[in-house]
C-alpha atoms as a PDB file:
ATOM      1  CA  MET A   1      66.348  46.844 -10.626  1.00  0.00           C
ATOM      2  CA  GLU A   2      69.138  45.034  -8.778  1.00  0.00           C
ATOM      3  CA  LEU A   3      69.927  41.341  -8.371  1.00  0.00           C
ATOM      4  CA  ARG A   4      69.672  41.819  -4.614  1.00  0.00           C
ATOM      5  CA  GLN A   5      66.072  42.999  -4.989  1.00  0.00           C
ATOM      6  CA  LEU A   6      65.232  39.983  -7.128  1.00  0.00           C
ATOM      7  CA  GLU A   7      66.800  37.670  -4.533  1.00  0.00           C
ATOM      8  CA  HIS A   8      64.656  39.273  -1.842  1.00  0.00           C
ATOM      9  CA  PHE A   9      61.529  39.002  -3.988  1.00  0.00           C
ATOM     10  CA  VAL A  10      62.123  35.319  -4.823  1.00  0.00           C
ATOM     11  CA  ALA A  11      62.763  34.436  -1.164  1.00  0.00           C
ATOM     12  CA  VAL A  12      59.455  35.999  -0.084  1.00  0.00           C
ATOM     13  CA  ALA A  13      57.648  34.283  -2.975  1.00  0.00           C
ATOM     14  CA  GLU A  14      59.045  30.875  -1.982  1.00  0.00           C
ATOM     15  CA  GLU A  15      58.578  31.257   1.762  1.00  0.00           C
ATOM     16  CA  ARG A  16      55.246  33.130   1.480  1.00  0.00           C
ATOM     17  CA  HIS A  17      56.310  34.920   4.622  1.00  0.00           C
ATOM     18  CA  PHE A  18      58.483  38.011   5.129  1.00  0.00           C
ATOM     19  CA  THR A  19      59.934  36.923   8.484  1.00  0.00           C
ATOM     20  CA  ARG A  20      60.984  33.484   7.247  1.00  0.00           C
ATOM     21  CA  ALA A  21      62.426  34.997   4.067  1.00  0.00           C
ATOM     22  CA  ALA A  22      64.453  37.488   6.123  1.00  0.00           C
ATOM     23  CA  GLU A  23      65.786  34.695   8.357  1.00  0.00           C
ATOM     24  CA  ARG A  24      66.707  32.626   5.311  1.00  0.00           C
ATOM     25  CA  LEU A  25      68.634  35.536   3.760  1.00  0.00           C
ATOM     26  CA  ALA A  26      70.113  36.674   7.093  1.00  0.00           C
ATOM     27  CA  VAL A  27      68.803  40.221   6.626  1.00  0.00           C
ATOM     28  CA  SER A  28      66.517  42.378   8.739  1.00  0.00           C
ATOM     29  CA  GLN A  29      62.800  42.107   8.054  1.00  0.00           C
ATOM     30  CA  SER A  30      62.517  45.876   7.713  1.00  0.00           C
ATOM     31  CA  GLY A  31      65.298  45.911   5.125  1.00  0.00           C
ATOM     32  CA  LEU A  32      63.685  43.086   3.206  1.00  0.00           C
ATOM     33  CA  SER A  33      60.304  44.811   3.212  1.00  0.00           C
ATOM     34  CA  ALA A  34      61.866  48.063   2.033  1.00  0.00           C
ATOM     35  CA  SER A  35      63.648  46.240  -0.791  1.00  0.00           C
ATOM     36  CA  VAL A  36      60.414  44.637  -2.004  1.00  0.00           C
ATOM     37  CA  ARG A  37      58.520  47.942  -1.743  1.00  0.00           C
ATOM     38  CA  ALA A  38      61.216  49.667  -3.807  1.00  0.00           C
ATOM     39  CA  LEU A  39      60.885  46.971  -6.467  1.00  0.00           C
ATOM     40  CA  GLU A  40      57.107  47.380  -6.506  1.00  0.00           C
ATOM     41  CA  HIS A  41      57.514  51.149  -6.795  1.00  0.00           C
ATOM     42  CA  GLU A  42      59.890  50.754  -9.729  1.00  0.00           C
ATOM     43  CA  LEU A  43      57.537  48.339 -11.505  1.00  0.00           C
ATOM     44  CA  ARG A  44      54.505  50.463 -10.547  1.00  0.00           C
ATOM     45  CA  THR A  45      52.451  47.488  -9.410  1.00  0.00           C
ATOM     46  CA  PRO A  46      51.992  45.350  -6.269  1.00  0.00           C
ATOM     47  CA  LEU A  47      53.847  42.036  -6.391  1.00  0.00           C
ATOM     48  CA  PHE A  48      52.297  40.524  -3.272  1.00  0.00           C
ATOM     49  CA  SER A  49      48.846  40.474  -1.754  1.00  0.00           C
ATOM     50  CA  ARG A  50      49.430  40.880   1.974  1.00  0.00           C
ATOM     51  CA  THR A  51      47.157  40.121   4.910  1.00  0.00           C
ATOM     52  CA  THR A  52      47.946  39.657   8.595  1.00  0.00           C
ATOM     53  CA  ARG A  53      48.343  35.904   8.003  1.00  0.00           C
ATOM     54  CA  THR A  54      49.261  35.297   4.384  1.00  0.00           C
ATOM     55  CA  VAL A  55      51.500  36.623   1.634  1.00  0.00           C
ATOM     56  CA  ARG A  56      50.492  35.681  -1.891  1.00  0.00           C
ATOM     57  CA  LEU A  57      51.801  36.577  -5.320  1.00  0.00           C
ATOM     58  CA  THR A  58      49.682  38.868  -7.428  1.00  0.00           C
ATOM     59  CA  GLU A  59      49.321  38.140 -11.139  1.00  0.00           C
ATOM     60  CA  ALA A  60      52.182  40.558 -11.816  1.00  0.00           C
ATOM     61  CA  GLY A  61      54.248  38.894  -9.082  1.00  0.00           C
ATOM     62  CA  ALA A  62      53.730  35.442 -10.598  1.00  0.00           C
ATOM     63  CA  ALA A  63      54.882  36.747 -13.979  1.00  0.00           C
ATOM     64  CA  LEU A  64      57.964  38.346 -12.431  1.00  0.00           C
ATOM     65  CA  LEU A  65      58.868  35.200 -10.469  1.00  0.00           C
ATOM     66  CA  VAL A  66      59.520  33.186 -13.637  1.00  0.00           C
ATOM     67  CA  GLU A  67      61.858  35.825 -15.046  1.00  0.00           C
ATOM     68  CA  ALA A  68      63.480  36.583 -11.691  1.00  0.00           C
ATOM     69  CA  GLU A  69      64.425  32.930 -11.184  1.00  0.00           C
ATOM     70  CA  ARG A  70      65.823  32.774 -14.708  1.00  0.00           C
ATOM     71  CA  THR A  71      67.809  35.990 -14.210  1.00  0.00           C
ATOM     72  CA  LEU A  72      69.284  34.871 -10.888  1.00  0.00           C
ATOM     73  CA  ALA A  73      70.164  31.470 -12.355  1.00  0.00           C
ATOM     74  CA  GLY A  74      71.945  33.210 -15.218  1.00  0.00           C
ATOM     75  CA  ALA A  75      73.886  35.415 -12.823  1.00  0.00           C
ATOM     76  CA  ARG A  76      74.936  32.387 -10.765  1.00  0.00           C
ATOM     77  CA  ALA A  77      75.983  30.529 -13.917  1.00  0.00           C
ATOM     78  CA  ALA A  78      78.074  33.505 -15.027  1.00  0.00           C
ATOM     79  CA  ARG A  79      79.918  33.669 -11.698  1.00  0.00           C
ATOM     80  CA  ASP A  80      80.400  29.911 -11.610  1.00  0.00           C
ATOM     81  CA  ALA A  81      81.738  29.856 -15.176  1.00  0.00           C
ATOM     82  CA  VAL A  82      84.420  32.432 -14.325  1.00  0.00           C
ATOM     83  CA  ASP A  83      85.436  30.468 -11.212  1.00  0.00           C
ATOM     84  CA  ALA A  84      85.586  27.255 -13.268  1.00  0.00           C
ATOM     85  CA  VAL A  85      88.030  28.863 -15.713  1.00  0.00           C
ATOM     86  CA  ARG A  86      90.178  29.788 -12.716  1.00  0.00           C
ATOM     87  CA  GLY A  87      90.138  26.151 -11.619  1.00  0.00           C
ATOM     88  CA  LEU A  88      87.766  26.780  -8.722  1.00  0.00           C
ATOM     89  CA  LEU A  89      84.264  25.616  -8.067  1.00  0.00           C
ATOM     90  CA  ARG A  90      82.454  28.143  -5.926  1.00  0.00           C
ATOM     91  CA  GLY A  91      78.908  29.255  -5.575  1.00  0.00           C
ATOM     92  CA  THR A  92      75.855  27.149  -4.894  1.00  0.00           C
ATOM     93  CA  LEU A  93      74.653  23.787  -6.168  1.00  0.00           C
ATOM     94  CA  THR A  94      70.891  23.480  -5.747  1.00  0.00           C
ATOM     95  CA  LEU A  95      69.645  19.932  -6.126  1.00  0.00           C
ATOM     96  CA  GLY A  96      66.083  18.644  -6.152  1.00  0.00           C
ATOM     97  CA  VAL A  97      65.188  15.065  -5.308  1.00  0.00           C
ATOM     98  CA  GLU A  98      62.182  12.788  -4.986  1.00  0.00           C
ATOM     99  CA  GLN A  99      62.082  10.883  -1.718  1.00  0.00           C
ATOM    100  CA  CYS A 100      63.601   7.390  -1.876  1.00  0.00           C
ATOM    101  CA  VAL A 101      64.576   7.786  -5.514  1.00  0.00           C
ATOM    102  CA  ALA A 102      66.176   4.612  -6.878  1.00  0.00           C
ATOM    103  CA  GLY A 103      69.567   4.280  -8.534  1.00  0.00           C
ATOM    104  CA  VAL A 104      71.638   6.701  -6.458  1.00  0.00           C
ATOM    105  CA  SER A 105      72.504   7.327  -2.820  1.00  0.00           C
ATOM    106  CA  THR A 106      71.850  11.046  -2.421  1.00  0.00           C
ATOM    107  CA  ALA A 107      73.628  11.262   0.941  1.00  0.00           C
ATOM    108  CA  ARG A 108      76.819   9.517  -0.260  1.00  0.00           C
ATOM    109  CA  LEU A 109      76.752  11.477  -3.508  1.00  0.00           C
ATOM    110  CA  LEU A 110      76.549  14.866  -1.777  1.00  0.00           C
ATOM    111  CA  ALA A 111      79.185  13.847   0.772  1.00  0.00           C
ATOM    112  CA  ALA A 112      81.578  12.949  -2.052  1.00  0.00           C
ATOM    113  CA  PHE A 113      80.770  16.204  -3.845  1.00  0.00           C
ATOM    114  CA  HIS A 114      81.483  18.205  -0.682  1.00  0.00           C
ATOM    115  CA  ARG A 115      84.834  16.473  -0.216  1.00  0.00           C
ATOM    116  CA  GLU A 116      85.895  17.292  -3.775  1.00  0.00           C
ATOM    117  CA  HIS A 117      84.454  20.813  -3.873  1.00  0.00           C
ATOM    118  CA  PRO A 118      84.460  22.162  -0.307  1.00  0.00           C
ATOM    119  CA  HIS A 119      83.892  25.766  -1.433  1.00  0.00           C
ATOM    120  CA  MET A 120      80.560  24.937  -3.082  1.00  0.00           C
ATOM    121  CA  GLU A 121      77.446  25.476  -0.972  1.00  0.00           C
ATOM    122  CA  ILE A 122      74.938  22.636  -1.338  1.00  0.00           C
ATOM    123  CA  ARG A 123      71.205  23.186  -1.138  1.00  0.00           C
ATOM    124  CA  LEU A 124      68.812  20.245  -1.255  1.00  0.00           C
ATOM    125  CA  ARG A 125      65.071  20.438  -1.951  1.00  0.00           C
ATOM    126  CA  GLN A 126      62.825  17.376  -1.635  1.00  0.00           C
ATOM    127  CA  GLU A 127      59.742  17.764  -3.823  1.00  0.00           C
ATOM    128  CA  GLY A 128      57.427  15.870  -6.143  1.00  0.00           C
ATOM    129  CA  THR A 129      58.311  15.256  -9.770  1.00  0.00           C
ATOM    130  CA  SER A 130      56.151  18.031 -11.247  1.00  0.00           C
ATOM    131  CA  SER A 131      57.686  20.598  -8.899  1.00  0.00           C
ATOM    132  CA  LEU A 132      61.171  19.325  -9.715  1.00  0.00           C
ATOM    133  CA  LEU A 133      60.574  19.751 -13.449  1.00  0.00           C
ATOM    134  CA  GLU A 134      59.339  23.297 -12.885  1.00  0.00           C
ATOM    135  CA  GLY A 135      62.362  24.024 -10.691  1.00  0.00           C
ATOM    136  CA  VAL A 136      64.906  22.911 -13.301  1.00  0.00           C
ATOM    137  CA  ALA A 137      63.002  24.655 -16.103  1.00  0.00           C
ATOM    138  CA  GLY A 138      62.875  27.914 -14.141  1.00  0.00           C
ATOM    139  CA  GLY A 139      66.510  27.782 -13.040  1.00  0.00           C
ATOM    140  CA  ARG A 140      65.579  27.391  -9.363  1.00  0.00           C
ATOM    141  CA  LEU A 141      67.273  23.964  -9.401  1.00  0.00           C
ATOM    142  CA  ASP A 142      70.514  23.074 -11.178  1.00  0.00           C
ATOM    143  CA  LEU A 143      69.358  19.494 -11.679  1.00  0.00           C
ATOM    144  CA  ALA A 144      67.021  16.991 -10.061  1.00  0.00           C
ATOM    145  CA  PHE A 145      66.609  13.294  -9.347  1.00  0.00           C
ATOM    146  CA  ALA A 146      63.029  12.503 -10.292  1.00  0.00           C
ATOM    147  CA  ALA A 147      60.790   9.640 -11.295  1.00  0.00           C
ATOM    148  CA  THR A 148      58.590   8.557 -14.194  1.00  0.00           C
ATOM    149  CA  VAL A 149      59.329  11.556 -16.392  1.00  0.00           C
ATOM    150  CA  SER A 150      58.113  11.074 -19.960  1.00  0.00           C
ATOM    151  CA  PRO A 151      59.850  12.855 -22.885  1.00  0.00           C
ATOM    152  CA  PRO A 152      56.828  15.093 -23.698  1.00  0.00           C
ATOM    153  CA  GLU A 153      57.149  16.577 -20.201  1.00  0.00           C
ATOM    154  CA  TRP A 154      60.750  17.632 -20.582  1.00  0.00           C
ATOM    155  CA  ARG A 155      62.784  19.179 -23.381  1.00  0.00           C
ATOM    156  CA  GLY A 156      66.145  18.974 -21.632  1.00  0.00           C
ATOM    157  CA  GLU A 157      68.254  15.884 -21.055  1.00  0.00           C
ATOM    158  CA  LEU A 158      67.071  12.852 -19.057  1.00  0.00           C
ATOM    159  CA  VAL A 159      69.761  10.483 -17.761  1.00  0.00           C
ATOM    160  CA  PRO A 160      68.395   7.071 -16.664  1.00  0.00           C
ATOM    161  CA  LEU A 161      69.259   5.971 -13.140  1.00  0.00           C
ATOM    162  CA  ALA A 162      67.217   2.838 -12.486  1.00  0.00           C
ATOM    163  CA  ARG A 163      64.193   0.853 -13.601  1.00  0.00           C
ATOM    164  CA  GLU A 164      62.426  -1.666 -11.364  1.00  0.00           C
ATOM    165  CA  PRO A 165      59.036  -3.375 -11.125  1.00  0.00           C
ATOM    166  CA  MET A 166      56.297  -2.126  -8.854  1.00  0.00           C
ATOM    167  CA  VAL A 167      54.732  -4.656  -6.495  1.00  0.00           C
ATOM    168  CA  VAL A 168      51.687  -4.965  -4.268  1.00  0.00           C
ATOM    169  CA  LEU A 169      52.700  -4.558  -0.637  1.00  0.00           C
ATOM    170  CA  CYS A 170      50.352  -5.961   1.994  1.00  0.00           C
ATOM    171  CA  ALA A 171      50.237  -7.197   5.579  1.00  0.00           C
ATOM    172  CA  PRO A 172      50.865 -10.929   6.204  1.00  0.00           C
ATOM    173  CA  GLY A 173      47.222 -11.600   7.067  1.00  0.00           C
ATOM    174  CA  HIS A 174      45.868 -10.101   3.863  1.00  0.00           C
ATOM    175  CA  ARG A 175      44.188 -12.394   1.335  1.00  0.00           C
ATOM    176  CA  LEU A 176      46.816 -11.477  -1.324  1.00  0.00           C
ATOM    177  CA  ALA A 177      49.742 -12.435   0.917  1.00  0.00           C
ATOM    178  CA  GLN A 178      50.542 -15.799  -0.683  1.00  0.00           C
ATOM    179  CA  GLU A 179      54.064 -16.853  -1.555  1.00  0.00           C
ATOM    180  CA  ASP A 180      55.044 -17.375  -5.202  1.00  0.00           C
ATOM    181  CA  VAL A 181      51.703 -16.120  -6.459  1.00  0.00           C
ATOM    182  CA  ARG A 182      51.186 -13.253  -8.857  1.00  0.00           C
ATOM    183  CA  VAL A 183      48.127 -11.074  -8.528  1.00  0.00           C
ATOM    184  CA  ALA A 184      45.920 -10.285 -11.511  1.00  0.00           C
ATOM    185  CA  TRP A 185      44.765  -6.689 -11.900  1.00  0.00           C
ATOM    186  CA  GLY A 186      41.135  -7.700 -11.539  1.00  0.00           C
ATOM    187  CA  GLU A 187      41.822  -9.048  -8.059  1.00  0.00           C
ATOM    188  CA  LEU A 188      42.675  -5.538  -6.865  1.00  0.00           C
ATOM    189  CA  ARG A 189      39.176  -4.185  -7.476  1.00  0.00           C
ATOM    190  CA  GLY A 190      37.457  -3.134  -4.286  1.00  0.00           C
ATOM    191  CA  GLU A 191      40.657  -2.931  -2.254  1.00  0.00           C
ATOM    192  CA  SER A 192      41.490   0.089  -0.112  1.00  0.00           C
ATOM    193  CA  PHE A 193      44.785   1.660  -1.208  1.00  0.00           C
ATOM    194  CA  ILE A 194      47.450   3.641   0.600  1.00  0.00           C
ATOM    195  CA  ASP A 195      49.510   5.924  -1.625  1.00  0.00           C
ATOM    196  CA  PHE A 196      51.400   9.189  -1.903  1.00  0.00           C
ATOM    197  CA  HIS A 197      50.130  12.568  -3.031  1.00  0.00           C
ATOM    198  CA  PRO A 198      49.575  12.750  -6.808  1.00  0.00           C
ATOM    199  CA  ASP A 199      52.794  14.681  -7.492  1.00  0.00           C
ATOM    200  CA  TRP A 200      55.122  11.978  -6.122  1.00  0.00           C
ATOM    201  CA  GLY A 201      56.747   9.629  -8.634  1.00  0.00           C
ATOM    202  CA  PRO A 202      55.498   6.281  -7.228  1.00  0.00           C
ATOM    203  CA  ARG A 203      51.916   7.596  -7.228  1.00  0.00           C
ATOM    204  CA  ARG A 204      52.243   8.781 -10.819  1.00  0.00           C
ATOM    205  CA  ALA A 205      53.588   5.383 -11.881  1.00  0.00           C
ATOM    206  CA  ALA A 206      50.790   3.537 -10.052  1.00  0.00           C
ATOM    207  CA  ASP A 207      48.062   5.797 -11.456  1.00  0.00           C
ATOM    208  CA  GLU A 208      49.334   5.277 -15.008  1.00  0.00           C
ATOM    209  CA  ALA A 209      49.515   1.506 -14.516  1.00  0.00           C
ATOM    210  CA  PHE A 210      45.964   1.245 -13.169  1.00  0.00           C
ATOM    211  CA  ALA A 211      44.676   3.384 -16.034  1.00  0.00           C
ATOM    212  CA  ALA A 212      46.473   1.207 -18.591  1.00  0.00           C
ATOM    213  CA  ALA A 213      45.000  -1.932 -17.004  1.00  0.00           C
ATOM    214  CA  GLY A 214      41.504  -0.417 -17.018  1.00  0.00           C
ATOM    215  CA  VAL A 215      41.095  -0.858 -13.262  1.00  0.00           C
ATOM    216  CA  ARG A 216      39.607   1.891 -11.118  1.00  0.00           C
ATOM    217  CA  ARG A 217      40.850   2.205  -7.576  1.00  0.00           C
ATOM    218  CA  THR A 218      40.243   4.317  -4.506  1.00  0.00           C
ATOM    219  CA  VAL A 219      43.175   5.816  -2.609  1.00  0.00           C
ATOM    220  CA  ALA A 220      41.694   5.993   0.853  1.00  0.00           C
ATOM    221  CA  LEU A 221      44.823   7.018   2.753  1.00  0.00           C
ATOM    222  CA  GLU A 222      47.149   9.604   1.189  1.00  0.00           C
ATOM    223  CA  VAL A 223      50.534  10.224   2.798  1.00  0.00           C
ATOM    224  CA  ASN A 224      53.653  12.247   2.084  1.00  0.00           C
ATOM    225  CA  ASP A 225      56.419   9.934   3.287  1.00  0.00           C
ATOM    226  CA  VAL A 226      57.457   6.305   2.917  1.00  0.00           C
ATOM    227  CA  HIS A 227      57.555   5.458   6.624  1.00  0.00           C
ATOM    228  CA  SER A 228      53.934   6.499   7.154  1.00  0.00           C
ATOM    229  CA  LEU A 229      52.873   4.412   4.169  1.00  0.00           C
ATOM    230  CA  LEU A 230      54.650   1.318   5.497  1.00  0.00           C
ATOM    231  CA  GLU A 231      53.175   1.771   8.994  1.00  0.00           C
ATOM    232  CA  LEU A 232      49.650   1.958   7.606  1.00  0.00           C
ATOM    233  CA  VAL A 233      50.188  -1.182   5.522  1.00  0.00           C
ATOM    234  CA  HIS A 234      51.565  -2.961   8.612  1.00  0.00           C
ATOM    235  CA  GLU A 235      48.328  -2.140  10.457  1.00  0.00           C
ATOM    236  CA  GLY A 236      46.241  -3.691   7.689  1.00  0.00           C
ATOM    237  CA  LEU A 237      44.532  -0.417   6.768  1.00  0.00           C
ATOM    238  CA  GLY A 238      45.079  -1.000   3.073  1.00  0.00           C
ATOM    239  CA  ILE A 239      47.519  -2.220   0.452  1.00  0.00           C
ATOM    240  CA  ALA A 240      50.022  -0.247  -1.617  1.00  0.00           C
ATOM    241  CA  VAL A 241      51.511  -0.527  -5.100  1.00  0.00           C
ATOM    242  CA  VAL A 242      55.098   0.660  -4.686  1.00  0.00           C
ATOM    243  CA  PRO A 243      58.571   0.354  -6.239  1.00  0.00           C
ATOM    244  CA  HIS A 244      60.110  -3.000  -5.349  1.00  0.00           C
ATOM    245  CA  HIS A 245      62.963  -1.478  -3.334  1.00  0.00           C
ATOM    246  CA  PHE A 246      60.445  -0.180  -0.776  1.00  0.00           C
ATOM    247  CA  SER A 247      59.855  -3.808   0.253  1.00  0.00           C
ATOM    248  CA  ARG A 248      63.542  -4.139   1.173  1.00  0.00           C
ATOM    249  CA  LYS A 249      63.526  -1.277   3.669  1.00  0.00           C
ATOM    250  CA  PRO A 250      63.975  -2.275   7.342  1.00  0.00           C
ATOM    251  CA  GLU A 251      60.581  -0.725   8.132  1.00  0.00           C
ATOM    252  CA  ALA A 252      58.974  -3.081   5.596  1.00  0.00           C
ATOM    253  CA  ARG A 253      60.204  -6.204   7.382  1.00  0.00           C
ATOM    254  CA  GLY A 254      57.275  -8.596   7.820  1.00  0.00           C
ATOM    255  CA  LEU A 255      55.245  -7.200   4.927  1.00  0.00           C
ATOM    256  CA  VAL A 256      54.584  -9.303   1.837  1.00  0.00           C
ATOM    257  CA  ALA A 257      55.496  -8.112  -1.681  1.00  0.00           C
ATOM    258  CA  VAL A 258      53.388  -9.674  -4.436  1.00  0.00           C
ATOM    259  CA  GLU A 259      54.121  -9.343  -8.154  1.00  0.00           C
ATOM    260  CA  LEU A 260      51.475  -8.152 -10.582  1.00  0.00           C
ATOM    261  CA  ASP A 261      50.442 -10.422 -13.435  1.00  0.00           C
ATOM    262  CA  GLY A 262      49.208  -9.631 -16.929  1.00  0.00           C
ATOM    263  CA  ALA A 263      50.276  -7.419 -19.806  1.00  0.00           C
ATOM    264  CA  HIS A 264      50.375  -4.209 -17.776  1.00  0.00           C
ATOM    265  CA  ARG A 265      53.219  -4.731 -15.333  1.00  0.00           C
ATOM    266  CA  PRO A 266      54.060  -1.321 -13.903  1.00  0.00           C
ATOM    267  CA  ALA A 267      57.639  -0.103 -13.758  1.00  0.00           C
ATOM    268  CA  TYR A 268      59.173   2.634 -11.663  1.00  0.00           C
ATOM    269  CA  GLU A 269      61.872   4.612 -13.432  1.00  0.00           C
ATOM    270  CA  SER A 270      64.162   7.215 -11.918  1.00  0.00           C
ATOM    271  CA  VAL A 271      66.140   9.746 -13.934  1.00  0.00           C
ATOM    272  CA  VAL A 272      68.376  12.759 -13.585  1.00  0.00           C
ATOM    273  CA  VAL A 273      66.578  15.813 -14.958  1.00  0.00           C
ATOM    274  CA  LEU A 274      69.047  18.202 -16.580  1.00  0.00           C
ATOM    275  CA  PRO A 275      68.547  21.546 -18.289  1.00  0.00           C
ATOM    276  CA  PRO A 276      69.718  21.972 -21.905  1.00  0.00           C
ATOM    277  CA  ALA A 277      73.492  21.497 -22.140  1.00  0.00           C
ATOM    278  CA  GLN A 278      74.183  25.192 -22.620  1.00  0.00           C
ATOM    279  CA  ALA A 279      72.359  25.986 -19.363  1.00  0.00           C
ATOM    280  CA  MET A 280      74.194  23.474 -17.151  1.00  0.00           C
ATOM    281  CA  THR A 281      76.166  25.053 -14.349  1.00  0.00           C
ATOM    282  CA  PRO A 282      79.735  23.929 -13.543  1.00  0.00           C
ATOM    283  CA  GLY A 283      78.433  22.551 -10.242  1.00  0.00           C
ATOM    284  CA  ALA A 284      75.842  20.416 -12.029  1.00  0.00           C
ATOM    285  CA  LYS A 285      78.496  19.100 -14.416  1.00  0.00           C
ATOM    286  CA  ALA A 286      80.756  18.190 -11.483  1.00  0.00           C
ATOM    287  CA  LEU A 287      77.917  16.386  -9.709  1.00  0.00           C
ATOM    288  CA  MET A 288      77.037  14.432 -12.858  1.00  0.00           C
ATOM    289  CA  ALA A 289      80.648  13.244 -13.084  1.00  0.00           C
ATOM    290  CA  LEU A 290      80.174  11.706  -9.633  1.00  0.00           C
ATOM    291  CA  VAL A 291      76.751  10.278 -10.487  1.00  0.00           C
ATOM    292  CA  ARG A 292      78.382   8.173 -13.177  1.00  0.00           C
ATOM    293  CA  GLU A 293      80.751   6.576 -10.659  1.00  0.00           C
ATOM    294  CA  ALA A 294      79.520   3.094  -9.712  1.00  0.00           C
ATOM    295  CA  PRO A 295      80.250   3.256  -5.929  1.00  0.00           C
ATOM    296  CA  LEU A 296      77.730   6.075  -5.544  1.00  0.00           C
ATOM    297  CA  ARG A 297      74.972   4.330  -7.502  1.00  0.00           C
END
């Protein structure tokens, strides 16, 4: 079994498509297919269930994926450690991030990292918090910027980035759109809500807050990006409970942000998710040094 075969296998597993995986790796599709078949032959079991339209992991493939990601991460860490001793940072930094995470400017941070370490390849993956945790745990990601991660969910290090209140965002004509007025939880009953998919940090924070307040709600419109959420609120199709910094976005101009009253005031927290110290790559350590610099926060 070779590292190259594991790289091919992981690419197909992530893309769920042989052609896309081949394009991503810049190899021929026939060569990629042959590599995966050789791996299956060596392991004496199919790793993928193939049809004309889909490629899915078998049970054996799912088991191998966890170990393959860990093995490849270890190989990358070994190469990076040798380069670091030589005074060079080479290899790949793979970063995961929630959309619109608070407390850091991802674009400025990565630009600064590229200026300081031009030989490092940067890969960015935008995913929900649960997927980010799995990615760091499995070695697919070197680190991640996530939201609302509780200690029981993660055994590595969590570095706080920001904490801010969540507010009710509504259109100007909505009954809750009154200046200098806080909204009680009970007043939200019966409202139609716009929110993200359950894996995104703001949705997790809102769900936990509503549960703590004992208020049931219906998320009628589920979206996967901030701009769509703000557009729907603008059109009066529902209200949203979001991190306060969403209300300061240019696209939110004209919307009304209302604070929540009572004992259960929800907070949105963002953190850096790091693996155990012994598993941190040199690239991750270099990025964290920049994260701690105020101009990039």
